[in-house]
C-alpha cells in the first residue's frame, strides 16, 4: 500500500484539475510496457508516467475488480447492457 500513496496523491490532483469533462472528452489510463501508467486527459498526457505496475493494477481493481467502486460504471466500461 505504501508504494501506492504517491501515485494516489498525483492521481487525485489530476482528477481535481479536470473538474468537468464535456461530452466527447475522455480520460485514458493505460499501461505502456517499459514506460508505466500513462494518464491522458482531453488528449494531453498528465504528468510523468507512474512506473509501478502495482499502481496500474490497483486502478484497474477499483473500476474492474470483483468489488468495483461502481457496478454500473464497470458494466458500462465492459460494454454490458444496462
C-alpha atoms as a PDB file:
ATOM      1  CA  UNK A   1       0.000   0.000   0.000  1.00  0.00           C
ATOM      2  CA  UNK A   2       2.828   2.422   0.808  1.00  0.00           C
ATOM      3  CA  UNK A   3       4.031   2.155  -2.814  1.00  0.00           C
ATOM      4  CA  UNK A   4       0.624   3.382  -3.974  1.00  0.00           C
ATOM      5  CA  UNK A   5       0.367   6.548  -1.853  1.00  0.00           C
ATOM      6  CA  UNK A   6       2.465   8.896  -4.054  1.00  0.00           C
ATOM      7  CA  UNK A   7       0.590   7.744  -7.155  1.00  0.00           C
ATOM      8  CA  UNK A   8      -2.787   8.152  -5.461  1.00  0.00           C
ATOM      9  CA  UNK A   9      -1.899  11.717  -4.472  1.00  0.00           C
ATOM     10  CA  UNK A  10      -0.819  12.546  -8.041  1.00  0.00           C
ATOM     11  CA  UNK A  11      -3.908  10.834  -9.439  1.00  0.00           C
ATOM     12  CA  UNK A  12      -6.138  12.841  -7.107  1.00  0.00           C
ATOM     13  CA  UNK A  13      -4.543  16.042  -8.369  1.00  0.00           C
ATOM     14  CA  UNK A  14      -5.082  15.024 -11.995  1.00  0.00           C
ATOM     15  CA  UNK A  15      -8.786  14.440 -11.365  1.00  0.00           C
ATOM     16  CA  UNK A  16      -9.031  17.688  -9.375  1.00  0.00           C
ATOM     17  CA  UNK A  17      -7.517  19.569 -12.320  1.00  0.00           C
ATOM     18  CA  UNK A  18     -10.113  18.030 -14.661  1.00  0.00           C
ATOM     19  CA  UNK A  19     -13.115  19.439 -12.823  1.00  0.00           C
ATOM     20  CA  UNK A  20     -15.535  18.628 -15.618  1.00  0.00           C
ATOM     21  CA  UNK A  21     -15.446  16.597 -18.789  1.00  0.00           C
ATOM     22  CA  UNK A  22     -17.708  17.624 -21.614  1.00  0.00           C
ATOM     23  CA  UNK A  23     -19.399  15.153 -23.928  1.00  0.00           C
ATOM     24  CA  UNK A  24     -16.736  13.520 -26.074  1.00  0.00           C
ATOM     25  CA  UNK A  25     -13.841  14.388 -23.761  1.00  0.00           C
ATOM     26  CA  UNK A  26     -12.004  11.463 -22.219  1.00  0.00           C
ATOM     27  CA  UNK A  27      -9.543  10.389 -19.571  1.00  0.00           C
ATOM     28  CA  UNK A  28      -7.408   7.474 -20.735  1.00  0.00           C
ATOM     29  CA  UNK A  29      -5.450   5.297 -18.315  1.00  0.00           C
ATOM     30  CA  UNK A  30      -3.126   2.842 -19.999  1.00  0.00           C
ATOM     31  CA  UNK A  31      -0.183   0.631 -19.120  1.00  0.00           C
ATOM     32  CA  UNK A  32       2.700   1.117 -21.562  1.00  0.00           C
ATOM     33  CA  UNK A  33       5.357  -1.591 -21.166  1.00  0.00           C
ATOM     34  CA  UNK A  34       8.743  -0.085 -20.346  1.00  0.00           C
ATOM     35  CA  UNK A  35       7.105   3.267 -19.535  1.00  0.00           C
ATOM     36  CA  UNK A  36       4.407   2.738 -16.904  1.00  0.00           C
ATOM     37  CA  UNK A  37       0.885   4.009 -16.384  1.00  0.00           C
ATOM     38  CA  UNK A  38       0.192   6.940 -18.673  1.00  0.00           C
ATOM     39  CA  UNK A  39      -2.818   9.143 -17.993  1.00  0.00           C
ATOM     40  CA  UNK A  40      -4.161  11.300 -20.785  1.00  0.00           C
ATOM     41  CA  UNK A  41      -6.966  13.821 -20.261  1.00  0.00           C
ATOM     42  CA  UNK A  42      -8.600  15.654 -23.136  1.00  0.00           C
ATOM     43  CA  UNK A  43      -5.832  14.381 -25.433  1.00  0.00           C
ATOM     44  CA  UNK A  44      -2.936  15.650 -23.296  1.00  0.00           C
ATOM     45  CA  UNK A  45      -0.647  13.479 -21.155  1.00  0.00           C
ATOM     46  CA  UNK A  46      -0.964  14.399 -17.491  1.00  0.00           C
ATOM     47  CA  UNK A  47       2.412  14.498 -15.773  1.00  0.00           C
ATOM     48  CA  UNK A  48       5.022  11.777 -15.816  1.00  0.00           C
ATOM     49  CA  UNK A  49       4.116   8.093 -16.116  1.00  0.00           C
ATOM     50  CA  UNK A  50       3.617   6.100 -12.919  1.00  0.00           C
ATOM     51  CA  UNK A  51       6.363   3.446 -13.055  1.00  0.00           C
ATOM     52  CA  UNK A  52       4.922   0.911 -10.595  1.00  0.00           C
ATOM     53  CA  UNK A  53       2.838  -1.888 -12.117  1.00  0.00           C
ATOM     54  CA  UNK A  54       1.126  -2.202  -8.714  1.00  0.00           C
ATOM     55  CA  UNK A  55      -0.351   1.262  -9.203  1.00  0.00           C
ATOM     56  CA  UNK A  56      -1.914   0.346 -12.557  1.00  0.00           C
ATOM     57  CA  UNK A  57      -3.263  -2.916 -11.142  1.00  0.00           C
ATOM     58  CA  UNK A  58      -4.799  -1.078  -8.179  1.00  0.00           C
ATOM     59  CA  UNK A  59      -6.526   1.395 -10.521  1.00  0.00           C
ATOM     60  CA  UNK A  60      -7.968  -1.408 -12.609  1.00  0.00           C
ATOM     61  CA  UNK A  61      -9.262  -3.191  -9.497  1.00  0.00           C
ATOM     62  CA  UNK A  62     -11.079  -0.011  -8.420  1.00  0.00           C
ATOM     63  CA  UNK A  63     -13.203   0.008 -11.574  1.00  0.00           C
ATOM     64  CA  UNK A  64     -12.975  -3.524 -12.955  1.00  0.00           C
ATOM     65  CA  UNK A  65     -12.201  -5.748  -9.969  1.00  0.00           C
ATOM     66  CA  UNK A  66     -14.532  -8.187  -8.198  1.00  0.00           C
ATOM     67  CA  UNK A  67     -15.844  -5.393  -5.935  1.00  0.00           C
ATOM     68  CA  UNK A  68     -15.736  -2.221  -8.050  1.00  0.00           C
ATOM     69  CA  UNK A  69     -16.462   1.230  -6.688  1.00  0.00           C
ATOM     70  CA  UNK A  70     -19.480   1.417  -9.030  1.00  0.00           C
ATOM     71  CA  UNK A  71     -21.055  -1.665 -10.629  1.00  0.00           C
ATOM     72  CA  UNK A  72     -22.878   0.385 -13.275  1.00  0.00           C
ATOM     73  CA  UNK A  73     -19.628   2.029 -14.345  1.00  0.00           C
ATOM     74  CA  UNK A  74     -17.902  -1.373 -14.501  1.00  0.00           C
ATOM     75  CA  UNK A  75     -20.680  -2.772 -16.687  1.00  0.00           C
ATOM     76  CA  UNK A  76     -20.528   0.280 -18.942  1.00  0.00           C
ATOM     77  CA  UNK A  77     -16.741   0.068 -19.253  1.00  0.00           C
ATOM     78  CA  UNK A  78     -17.086  -3.598 -20.220  1.00  0.00           C
ATOM     79  CA  UNK A  79     -19.819  -2.806 -22.757  1.00  0.00           C
ATOM     80  CA  UNK A  80     -22.565  -4.672 -20.910  1.00  0.00           C
ATOM     81  CA  UNK A  81     -26.171  -3.616 -21.438  1.00  0.00           C
ATOM     82  CA  UNK A  82     -27.760  -1.605 -18.632  1.00  0.00           C
END
